Protein backbone atom coordinates (compact mmCIF):
# COMPACT_ATOMS: atom_id res chain seq x y z
CA MET A 1 -49.28 -24.25 12.71
CA PHE A 2 -45.71 -25.56 12.63
CA THR A 3 -45.19 -29.12 11.43
CA PHE A 4 -41.99 -31.10 10.97
CA HIS A 5 -41.48 -33.77 8.31
CA SER A 6 -37.74 -33.73 7.65
CA ILE A 7 -34.77 -31.39 7.96
CA GLN A 8 -34.78 -30.84 4.20
CA ASP A 9 -38.45 -29.82 4.20
CA TYR A 10 -37.91 -27.63 7.25
CA HIS A 11 -35.03 -25.80 5.58
CA GLN A 12 -37.16 -25.32 2.48
CA ALA A 13 -39.93 -23.82 4.62
CA LEU A 14 -37.42 -21.47 6.26
CA SER A 15 -36.10 -20.31 2.89
CA GLU A 16 -39.65 -19.70 1.65
CA LYS A 17 -40.50 -17.80 4.86
CA VAL A 18 -43.29 -20.21 5.69
CA CYS A 19 -41.94 -20.45 9.25
CA THR A 20 -39.05 -19.28 11.40
CA CYS A 21 -36.65 -20.97 13.78
CA GLU A 22 -38.47 -19.22 16.61
CA ASP A 23 -41.74 -20.81 15.45
CA ALA A 24 -40.06 -24.21 15.58
CA VAL A 25 -38.68 -23.72 19.09
CA ARG A 26 -42.01 -22.45 20.43
CA HIS A 27 -43.72 -25.47 18.89
CA TYR A 28 -41.33 -27.88 20.61
CA LEU A 29 -41.51 -26.07 23.95
CA ASP A 30 -45.29 -26.45 23.80
CA ARG A 31 -44.94 -30.14 22.92
CA ILE A 32 -42.46 -30.68 25.76
CA GLU A 33 -44.86 -29.07 28.22
CA ALA A 34 -47.76 -31.18 26.95
CA GLY A 35 -45.59 -34.32 27.16
CA ARG A 36 -44.19 -33.76 30.66
CA HIS A 37 -45.85 -36.98 31.83
CA LEU A 38 -43.47 -38.92 29.55
CA ASN A 39 -40.51 -37.70 31.68
CA ALA A 40 -38.25 -37.55 28.63
CA TYR A 41 -36.43 -34.31 29.55
CA VAL A 42 -34.46 -33.69 32.72
CA GLN A 43 -33.52 -30.13 31.73
CA VAL A 44 -35.17 -27.82 29.18
CA TYR A 45 -33.27 -24.75 27.99
CA GLY A 46 -36.30 -22.82 26.74
CA GLU A 47 -35.26 -19.17 26.92
CA GLU A 48 -31.79 -19.98 25.68
CA ALA A 49 -33.21 -21.94 22.73
CA LEU A 50 -35.55 -19.05 21.83
CA GLU A 51 -32.68 -16.59 21.97
CA ARG A 52 -30.62 -18.86 19.72
CA ALA A 53 -33.55 -19.20 17.31
CA ARG A 54 -33.98 -15.42 17.04
CA ALA A 55 -30.26 -15.03 16.32
CA LEU A 56 -30.44 -17.65 13.58
CA ASP A 57 -33.51 -15.98 12.06
CA ALA A 58 -31.60 -12.69 12.00
CA LYS A 59 -28.60 -14.39 10.42
CA ARG A 60 -30.79 -15.83 7.67
CA ARG A 61 -32.50 -12.49 7.01
CA ALA A 62 -29.08 -10.87 6.71
CA GLY A 63 -28.23 -13.25 3.89
CA GLU A 64 -25.50 -15.14 5.74
CA LYS A 65 -24.90 -18.73 4.69
CA PRO A 66 -26.80 -21.08 7.02
CA GLY A 67 -25.16 -24.10 8.62
CA ARG A 68 -26.05 -27.65 7.66
CA LEU A 69 -28.25 -27.97 10.77
CA HIS A 70 -29.58 -24.43 10.70
CA GLY A 71 -32.38 -24.17 13.23
CA VAL A 72 -32.63 -27.92 13.78
CA VAL A 73 -33.96 -28.55 17.30
CA ILE A 74 -31.93 -31.27 19.00
CA GLY A 75 -32.05 -32.96 22.41
CA LEU A 76 -28.98 -34.40 24.15
CA LYS A 77 -28.81 -37.49 26.34
CA ASP A 78 -27.78 -36.57 29.87
CA VAL A 79 -24.32 -38.08 29.43
CA ILE A 80 -23.18 -35.60 26.74
CA ALA A 81 -21.41 -32.46 27.96
CA TYR A 82 -22.88 -29.05 27.12
CA LYS A 83 -20.81 -26.23 28.60
CA ASP A 84 -22.35 -24.31 31.51
CA HIS A 85 -25.33 -26.69 31.61
CA PRO A 86 -26.17 -29.45 34.11
CA LEU A 87 -24.69 -32.88 33.40
CA THR A 88 -25.68 -35.68 35.76
CA ALA A 89 -25.84 -39.02 33.88
CA ALA A 90 -29.24 -39.37 35.59
CA SER A 91 -27.37 -40.14 38.82
CA ARG A 92 -27.59 -38.75 42.31
CA ILE A 93 -23.81 -38.84 42.56
CA LEU A 94 -23.54 -36.01 39.98
CA LYS A 95 -26.25 -33.91 41.57
CA ASP A 96 -25.81 -30.20 40.79
CA PHE A 97 -22.78 -30.81 38.56
CA THR A 98 -22.35 -28.35 35.68
CA SER A 99 -20.22 -29.15 32.64
CA ILE A 100 -17.19 -26.92 32.11
CA TYR A 101 -16.76 -27.77 28.43
CA ASN A 102 -18.62 -28.97 25.34
CA ALA A 103 -18.43 -32.46 23.97
CA THR A 104 -16.84 -32.41 20.52
CA ALA A 105 -20.13 -33.56 18.99
CA VAL A 106 -21.91 -30.63 20.69
CA ASP A 107 -19.32 -28.16 19.38
CA LYS A 108 -19.91 -29.46 15.88
CA LEU A 109 -23.69 -29.18 16.22
CA ILE A 110 -23.40 -25.59 17.42
CA ARG A 111 -21.02 -24.64 14.59
CA GLU A 112 -23.62 -25.85 12.10
CA ASP A 113 -26.39 -23.71 13.65
CA ALA A 114 -28.26 -26.39 15.61
CA ILE A 115 -30.49 -25.41 18.53
CA LEU A 116 -29.96 -27.51 21.67
CA ILE A 117 -33.23 -27.52 23.56
CA GLY A 118 -32.45 -29.71 26.56
CA HIS A 119 -30.93 -32.76 28.21
CA LEU A 120 -32.81 -36.05 28.05
CA ASN A 121 -33.46 -38.73 30.65
CA CYS A 122 -31.58 -42.04 30.58
CA ASP A 123 -30.65 -45.02 32.70
CA GLU A 124 -28.07 -44.01 35.31
CA PHE A 125 -24.61 -43.84 33.70
CA ALA A 126 -26.21 -45.47 30.61
CA MET A 127 -26.56 -48.76 32.47
CA GLY A 128 -29.91 -50.30 31.69
CA SER A 129 -32.31 -51.41 28.98
CA THR A 130 -35.58 -49.84 30.13
CA ASN A 131 -34.88 -46.31 31.41
CA GLU A 132 -36.17 -47.36 34.81
CA ASN A 133 -32.74 -46.91 36.45
CA SER A 134 -32.76 -43.11 36.63
CA ALA A 135 -32.53 -40.70 39.53
CA TYR A 136 -35.25 -38.70 37.75
CA GLY A 137 -37.68 -41.59 37.52
CA LYS A 138 -38.74 -43.77 34.63
CA VAL A 139 -39.49 -42.60 31.08
CA LEU A 140 -42.78 -43.69 29.52
CA ASN A 141 -43.25 -45.05 26.01
CA ALA A 142 -45.50 -42.62 24.09
CA ARG A 143 -47.13 -45.49 22.19
CA ASP A 144 -48.23 -47.23 25.40
CA LEU A 145 -47.71 -45.50 28.73
CA ASN A 146 -47.64 -48.84 30.54
CA ARG A 147 -44.58 -50.06 28.62
CA VAL A 148 -40.90 -49.19 28.80
CA PRO A 149 -39.29 -47.09 26.05
CA GLY A 150 -36.08 -49.12 26.13
CA GLY A 151 -32.73 -47.91 27.34
CA SER A 152 -30.42 -46.63 28.23
CA SER A 153 -31.25 -43.72 25.86
CA GLY A 154 -34.99 -43.94 26.55
CA GLY A 155 -35.51 -40.20 26.89
CA SER A 156 -33.73 -39.53 23.60
CA ALA A 157 -35.90 -42.08 21.83
CA VAL A 158 -39.19 -40.85 23.30
CA ALA A 159 -38.32 -37.22 22.52
CA VAL A 160 -38.19 -38.07 18.81
CA GLN A 161 -41.06 -40.56 18.98
CA ALA A 162 -43.42 -38.05 20.62
CA GLY A 163 -42.31 -35.05 18.58
CA LEU A 164 -40.48 -33.25 21.41
CA CYS A 165 -37.50 -32.44 19.17
CA MET A 166 -36.48 -33.05 15.56
CA VAL A 167 -33.57 -35.40 16.21
CA SER A 168 -31.65 -36.40 19.32
CA LEU A 169 -28.31 -37.79 20.38
CA GLY A 170 -27.87 -40.80 22.61
CA SER A 171 -25.05 -43.16 23.44
CA ASP A 172 -24.78 -46.82 22.50
CA THR A 173 -22.59 -49.16 24.55
CA GLY A 174 -24.48 -52.38 23.88
CA GLY A 175 -27.63 -51.32 22.06
CA SER A 176 -28.67 -48.22 24.00
CA VAL A 177 -29.63 -46.37 20.81
CA ARG A 178 -30.89 -49.23 18.65
CA GLN A 179 -33.04 -51.02 21.25
CA PRO A 180 -35.04 -47.95 22.40
CA ALA A 181 -35.41 -46.91 18.76
CA ASP A 182 -36.91 -50.34 18.12
CA PHE A 183 -39.27 -50.08 21.10
CA CYS A 184 -40.39 -46.59 20.05
CA GLY A 185 -40.73 -47.14 16.31
CA ILE A 186 -38.05 -44.73 15.09
CA LEU A 187 -34.58 -44.92 13.54
CA GLY A 188 -31.55 -45.42 15.77
CA LEU A 189 -27.99 -45.43 14.41
CA LYS A 190 -24.84 -46.57 16.20
CA PRO A 191 -21.85 -45.52 14.08
CA THR A 192 -18.59 -47.45 13.83
CA TYR A 193 -16.49 -47.26 16.99
CA GLY A 194 -14.14 -44.35 16.32
CA ARG A 195 -16.35 -42.61 13.74
CA VAL A 196 -17.59 -40.00 16.25
CA SER A 197 -15.47 -38.47 19.01
CA ARG A 198 -16.24 -39.63 22.55
CA TYR A 199 -14.75 -36.47 24.04
CA GLY A 200 -17.35 -35.06 26.40
CA LEU A 201 -19.32 -38.32 26.62
CA ILE A 202 -19.39 -39.63 30.21
CA ALA A 203 -17.67 -43.00 30.00
CA TYR A 204 -19.39 -46.26 30.82
CA ALA A 205 -17.18 -48.74 28.93
CA SER A 206 -14.60 -46.86 26.92
CA SER A 207 -13.88 -49.50 24.28
CA PHE A 208 -17.61 -49.89 23.55
CA ASP A 209 -19.22 -46.44 23.93
CA GLN A 210 -20.29 -44.52 20.86
CA ILE A 211 -22.52 -41.48 20.39
CA GLY A 212 -25.54 -42.38 18.27
CA ILE A 213 -28.43 -40.64 16.54
CA PHE A 214 -32.23 -40.89 16.70
CA GLY A 215 -34.41 -39.63 13.88
CA ARG A 216 -37.53 -40.29 11.84
CA THR A 217 -35.99 -40.36 8.39
CA THR A 218 -32.72 -41.78 7.13
CA PRO A 219 -31.67 -38.50 5.42
CA ASP A 220 -32.03 -36.69 8.77
CA VAL A 221 -29.88 -39.27 10.56
CA ALA A 222 -27.31 -39.10 7.74
CA ARG A 223 -27.16 -35.30 7.91
CA VAL A 224 -26.48 -35.30 11.65
CA LEU A 225 -23.82 -38.01 11.25
CA ASP A 226 -22.22 -35.92 8.51
CA VAL A 227 -21.85 -33.09 11.03
CA ILE A 228 -20.66 -34.93 14.15
CA ALA A 229 -18.34 -37.51 12.54
CA GLY A 230 -14.62 -36.98 12.01
CA GLU A 231 -11.23 -36.73 13.64
CA ASP A 232 -10.67 -35.05 16.99
CA ASP A 233 -7.41 -34.24 18.74
CA PHE A 234 -9.15 -34.66 22.10
CA ASP A 235 -9.99 -38.34 21.52
CA SER A 236 -7.19 -40.75 20.65
CA THR A 237 -9.69 -43.50 19.78
CA VAL A 238 -11.18 -41.57 16.85
CA ALA A 239 -10.11 -43.14 13.58
CA LYS A 240 -7.58 -41.18 11.55
CA GLY A 241 -7.90 -40.75 7.82
CA ARG A 242 -11.49 -41.99 7.81
CA SER A 243 -13.25 -38.78 6.85
CA ALA A 244 -16.46 -39.36 4.95
CA THR A 245 -19.56 -37.50 3.88
CA PHE A 246 -23.11 -38.80 3.78
CA PRO A 247 -24.83 -36.49 1.32
CA ASP A 248 -26.85 -38.84 -0.84
CA LEU A 249 -28.87 -41.84 0.23
CA THR A 250 -30.37 -42.65 -3.14
CA GLY A 251 -27.25 -44.67 -3.97
CA GLU A 252 -27.58 -47.02 -6.89
CA PRO A 253 -31.31 -47.71 -7.27
CA ASP A 254 -30.69 -51.07 -8.90
CA LYS A 255 -27.98 -52.20 -6.48
CA LYS A 256 -28.46 -55.73 -5.22
CA TYR A 257 -27.15 -56.37 -1.73
CA ARG A 258 -25.56 -59.53 -0.40
CA ILE A 259 -27.40 -60.06 2.88
CA ALA A 260 -26.50 -62.52 5.63
CA TYR A 261 -28.47 -63.46 8.70
CA PHE A 262 -27.47 -65.71 11.58
CA LYS A 263 -29.50 -68.90 11.53
CA GLU A 264 -28.99 -69.33 15.28
CA ALA A 265 -30.36 -65.83 15.90
CA LEU A 266 -33.65 -66.37 14.13
CA THR A 267 -34.19 -69.81 15.65
CA HIS A 268 -33.26 -68.72 19.17
CA PRO A 269 -35.90 -69.82 21.71
CA GLY A 270 -35.96 -66.36 23.28
CA LEU A 271 -37.10 -64.65 20.07
CA ASP A 272 -40.77 -63.74 19.80
CA PRO A 273 -42.27 -66.03 17.10
CA GLU A 274 -44.09 -63.17 15.39
CA ILE A 275 -40.88 -61.13 15.12
CA ARG A 276 -39.08 -64.19 13.73
CA ASP A 277 -41.73 -64.96 11.12
CA THR A 278 -42.04 -61.32 10.06
CA LEU A 279 -38.29 -60.94 9.57
CA LEU A 280 -38.08 -64.20 7.63
CA ASP A 281 -40.91 -63.01 5.38
CA CYS A 282 -39.10 -59.70 4.88
CA LEU A 283 -35.87 -61.49 3.98
CA GLU A 284 -37.76 -63.68 1.54
CA GLY A 285 -39.19 -60.55 -0.05
CA LEU A 286 -35.68 -59.11 -0.44
CA ARG A 287 -34.58 -62.39 -2.02
CA ASN A 288 -37.47 -62.20 -4.48
CA GLU A 289 -36.36 -58.68 -5.44
CA GLY A 290 -33.00 -60.01 -6.54
CA HIS A 291 -30.90 -59.51 -3.43
CA THR A 292 -28.74 -62.38 -2.22
CA VAL A 293 -30.05 -63.55 1.16
CA GLU A 294 -28.33 -66.42 2.95
CA ALA A 295 -28.30 -67.92 6.42
CA VAL A 296 -24.83 -68.29 7.89
CA ASP A 297 -23.82 -70.45 10.83
CA PHE A 298 -22.74 -68.43 13.86
CA ASP A 299 -21.98 -70.76 16.74
CA LEU A 300 -20.64 -67.96 18.95
CA LEU A 301 -24.05 -66.40 19.60
CA ASP A 302 -24.39 -67.74 23.14
CA TYR A 303 -20.98 -66.30 24.10
CA ILE A 304 -21.83 -62.74 23.08
CA VAL A 305 -23.79 -61.58 26.14
CA PRO A 306 -21.41 -63.10 28.75
CA ALA A 307 -18.35 -61.64 27.02
CA TYR A 308 -20.02 -58.26 26.74
CA TYR A 309 -21.02 -58.03 30.41
CA VAL A 310 -17.64 -59.21 31.68
CA LEU A 311 -15.79 -56.60 29.62
CA THR A 312 -18.16 -53.67 30.06
CA THR A 313 -18.54 -54.10 33.81
CA ALA A 314 -14.75 -54.32 34.15
CA GLU A 315 -14.39 -51.04 32.27
CA ALA A 316 -17.24 -49.49 34.26
CA SER A 317 -15.55 -50.44 37.53
CA SER A 318 -12.48 -48.52 36.41
CA ASN A 319 -14.29 -45.55 34.86
CA LEU A 320 -16.62 -44.92 37.78
CA ALA A 321 -13.85 -45.00 40.39
CA ARG A 322 -13.46 -41.24 39.86
CA PHE A 323 -16.86 -40.48 41.41
CA ASP A 324 -15.97 -40.29 45.09
CA GLY A 325 -17.57 -37.06 46.33
CA VAL A 326 -14.27 -35.29 46.99
CA LYS A 327 -14.07 -32.68 44.21
CA TYR A 328 -17.59 -32.56 42.78
CA GLY A 329 -21.00 -34.16 42.87
CA TYR A 330 -22.85 -35.77 45.75
CA ARG A 331 -21.16 -36.43 49.08
CA THR A 332 -22.50 -38.06 52.24
CA GLN A 333 -23.62 -35.61 54.90
CA ASP A 334 -21.82 -37.19 57.88
CA PRO A 335 -18.80 -34.89 58.54
CA ASP A 336 -17.08 -37.19 61.06
CA LEU A 337 -16.22 -40.13 58.80
CA GLU A 338 -12.63 -41.15 58.12
CA LEU A 339 -11.67 -41.10 54.44
CA THR A 340 -12.27 -44.74 53.49
CA GLU A 341 -15.65 -44.79 55.18
CA PHE A 342 -16.47 -41.43 53.54
CA TYR A 343 -15.80 -42.97 50.10
CA LYS A 344 -17.91 -46.03 50.90
CA ARG A 345 -20.84 -44.04 52.24
CA THR A 346 -20.79 -41.50 49.41
CA ARG A 347 -20.70 -44.12 46.67
CA SER A 348 -23.27 -46.34 48.37
CA GLU A 349 -25.70 -43.44 48.72
CA GLY A 350 -24.89 -41.79 45.38
CA PHE A 351 -25.05 -44.74 42.99
CA GLY A 352 -28.23 -46.61 42.17
CA THR A 353 -28.75 -50.35 42.46
CA GLU A 354 -27.93 -51.29 38.86
CA VAL A 355 -24.75 -49.20 38.77
CA LYS A 356 -23.55 -50.73 42.03
CA ARG A 357 -24.30 -54.21 40.69
CA ARG A 358 -22.15 -53.60 37.62
CA ILE A 359 -19.30 -52.01 39.58
CA LEU A 360 -19.21 -55.03 41.89
CA LEU A 361 -19.28 -57.48 39.00
CA GLY A 362 -16.55 -55.57 37.17
CA THR A 363 -14.35 -55.40 40.24
CA PHE A 364 -14.81 -59.14 40.73
CA VAL A 365 -13.77 -60.12 37.17
CA LEU A 366 -10.70 -57.89 37.46
CA SER A 367 -9.60 -59.34 40.80
CA ALA A 368 -6.39 -61.34 41.01
CA GLY A 369 -7.96 -64.77 41.35
CA TYR A 370 -10.46 -64.37 38.51
CA TYR A 371 -8.82 -62.08 35.95
CA ASP A 372 -7.67 -64.85 33.61
CA ALA A 373 -10.80 -66.94 34.06
CA TYR A 374 -13.17 -64.12 33.14
CA PHE A 375 -11.62 -60.94 31.75
CA THR A 376 -8.90 -62.59 29.66
CA LYS A 377 -11.30 -65.23 28.38
CA ALA A 378 -13.84 -62.56 27.39
CA GLN A 379 -11.14 -60.68 25.48
CA GLN A 380 -10.35 -63.88 23.60
CA VAL A 381 -14.01 -64.32 22.71
CA ARG A 382 -14.08 -60.72 21.49
CA LYS A 383 -11.12 -61.39 19.19
CA MET A 384 -12.85 -64.50 17.83
CA LEU A 385 -15.97 -62.45 17.12
CA VAL A 386 -13.97 -59.80 15.27
CA ASP A 387 -12.23 -62.42 13.14
CA ARG A 388 -15.48 -64.22 12.33
CA THR A 389 -17.16 -60.94 11.43
CA ASP A 390 -14.35 -59.97 9.07
CA LEU A 391 -14.76 -63.30 7.28
CA ILE A 392 -18.52 -62.78 6.90
CA PHE A 393 -18.05 -59.35 5.37
CA LYS A 394 -15.74 -60.76 2.73
CA ASP A 395 -18.82 -62.44 1.24
CA PHE A 396 -21.67 -60.15 2.32
CA ASP A 397 -22.53 -56.44 2.41
CA ILE A 398 -25.11 -56.50 5.20
CA ILE A 399 -25.85 -58.58 8.28
CA VAL A 400 -29.50 -58.56 9.33
CA LEU A 401 -30.69 -59.49 12.83
CA PRO A 402 -33.65 -58.68 15.03
CA THR A 403 -33.02 -55.60 17.17
CA SER A 404 -34.65 -57.07 20.26
CA PRO A 405 -36.14 -60.50 21.03
CA THR A 406 -39.44 -58.86 22.04
CA THR A 407 -41.37 -55.64 21.61
CA ALA A 408 -41.46 -53.12 24.46
CA PHE A 409 -42.52 -54.95 27.60
CA PRO A 410 -44.55 -53.70 30.59
CA ILE A 411 -42.92 -51.37 33.09
CA GLY A 412 -41.39 -53.31 35.98
CA GLU A 413 -41.59 -56.70 34.28
CA LYS A 414 -37.85 -57.42 34.29
CA MET A 415 -36.60 -55.22 37.12
CA ASP A 416 -36.44 -58.13 39.58
CA ASP A 417 -34.56 -60.38 37.15
CA PRO A 418 -31.34 -58.69 35.96
CA ILE A 419 -30.17 -61.85 34.16
CA ALA A 420 -33.28 -61.86 31.97
CA MET A 421 -32.70 -58.16 31.31
CA TYR A 422 -29.09 -58.78 30.26
CA LEU A 423 -30.01 -61.70 28.00
CA ALA A 424 -32.45 -59.45 26.15
CA ASP A 425 -29.39 -57.62 24.75
CA ILE A 426 -28.37 -60.69 22.74
CA TYR A 427 -28.85 -59.07 19.30
CA THR A 428 -27.43 -55.60 19.93
CA VAL A 429 -24.22 -56.09 21.94
CA TYR A 430 -22.59 -57.92 19.03
CA ALA A 431 -22.04 -54.71 17.05
CA ASN A 432 -20.35 -53.04 20.03
CA LEU A 433 -18.09 -56.02 20.71
CA VAL A 434 -16.74 -55.94 17.15
CA GLY A 435 -16.97 -52.17 16.61
CA ILE A 436 -19.19 -52.19 13.51
CA PRO A 437 -22.03 -49.77 12.71
CA GLY A 438 -25.61 -50.85 13.27
CA ILE A 439 -29.03 -49.33 12.75
CA SER A 440 -32.52 -50.23 13.89
CA ILE A 441 -35.00 -49.65 11.08
CA PRO A 442 -38.69 -49.22 12.08
CA LEU A 443 -40.74 -51.38 9.73
CA PHE A 444 -43.45 -53.40 11.44
CA THR A 445 -46.23 -53.40 14.01
CA HIS A 446 -46.79 -56.41 16.26
CA THR A 447 -50.28 -57.75 16.92
CA ASN A 448 -49.87 -56.34 20.44
CA GLY A 449 -49.85 -52.88 18.85
CA MET A 450 -46.16 -52.12 19.51
CA PRO A 451 -43.58 -51.34 16.82
CA PHE A 452 -40.56 -53.43 16.00
CA GLY A 453 -38.00 -53.38 13.26
CA MET A 454 -34.98 -54.86 11.60
CA GLN A 455 -31.38 -54.37 12.69
CA ALA A 456 -28.84 -54.02 9.90
CA MET A 457 -25.05 -53.92 10.23
CA THR A 458 -22.16 -53.37 7.83
CA SER A 459 -18.41 -53.66 8.15
CA ARG A 460 -16.44 -50.93 9.90
CA PHE A 461 -16.74 -47.42 8.43
CA LYS A 462 -19.39 -48.51 5.93
CA GLU A 463 -22.12 -46.23 7.28
CA LEU A 464 -22.99 -44.87 3.84
CA PRO A 465 -24.11 -48.21 2.36
CA LEU A 466 -25.79 -48.99 5.68
CA LEU A 467 -27.83 -45.80 5.48
CA GLN A 468 -28.55 -46.35 1.78
CA PHE A 469 -29.84 -49.85 2.53
CA SER A 470 -31.94 -48.47 5.39
CA HIS A 471 -33.36 -45.80 3.12
CA LEU A 472 -34.25 -48.42 0.52
CA ILE A 473 -36.06 -50.54 3.11
CA MET A 474 -37.84 -47.51 4.55
CA GLN A 475 -39.09 -46.58 1.09
CA GLN A 476 -40.56 -50.05 0.69
CA TYR A 477 -42.41 -49.63 4.00
CA LYS A 478 -43.27 -46.00 3.42
CA SER A 479 -45.86 -45.65 6.16
CA TYR A 480 -43.17 -46.13 8.79
CA GLU A 481 -41.41 -42.96 7.72
CA ASN A 482 -44.63 -41.07 8.48
CA PRO A 483 -43.65 -38.12 10.72
CA THR A 484 -46.98 -38.27 12.55
CA LEU A 485 -46.38 -41.87 13.66
CA CYS A 486 -46.67 -41.08 17.38
CA ASP A 487 -47.92 -37.49 17.37
């Protein structure tokens, strides 16, 4: 019987002929079929994945050098382009659309022998925090089928949580990798803005979006980042001269980190008291182990969510203007409409409620009478946040925050209150506003039975120490790196 613990162990098993890539793919296809009720996948490329697996097995038998992700079974969020495969952003407006090229990250996965098994469900155009805003229906949390998995990359998180693939890719605009990772009890990494090419990622908010990684162990996440990171001529926002490798997470075993946390974050009235007390106990434990742990004042906390939603909805309004039903995707069926009415009807029918809400809000903050009052002011807040963050990282290595103010909540609980839903992003949108890397580390279990973790962040392009710190913490809470956590 095939089992998966880590990519390293899997590659060892392949080299010792304990299993084959075909065995792995068949195992995951069986798991996907058994887990159909979770609604994590929107497309499964079974025969294609088996054919790829057989080719990789033949390559290995022939003695050819395997790629760094040889035979690793990966799922893609349905906003990441995979040539000649459906790409819909979980939206009716992209119904029946097929991608004509690969995202750069996908090209890099394929070059390193990965097996792409399917596209994963998400909130429409990555707009949402629960994966309830999808044309394919909601995704269920494998730990508790009555609770949300988080969003917008809920399908990507559940696929790893429930053992439906080895690792997966999502996108993170304001926490859409870290928050569902937290709700599902797995690792979720958002790299520095510009670390990974956005070419082939359907844009939500272009100055915030970043492809992220879900996994069960820090070495697995690091290995995938090592493959997909780097410069790209197709994306002008990718950082130049910032090449890095992430080969070793052992780091310096005796290294003592300088850790900051925001006092206002852990005393915020919206934070679950059990999460607060657990994180404070964890920080005290780190202090007792010789790490420097200090509270820092951060009086900008209450400005983070408003600034984020003003800026991202403005960018969404611009980015989603291209979906009009003229050249591709859904179009209204009434043939007698004049052009303006055709656009209105197509977009009204094709977009879901949450997407339309954000387009309207973004168009409003960009309008002539309100541009300076909202958009310009939000940009000023963003600059203040960047400057304050740079000052903090002069004195500290790591910033620690909760990932979410609560554990996964019941399905439907917040759907009628979008403001409450937006405010729940208070701890994750910060990293996207300032462009720093962040990771959600699964460490704890709430008395309600649901997992929750710690969010850690470092300064820009410091993913290696971030992953090393995460690995250290995971080792201290070893049971949470158990690959059978949600099997």
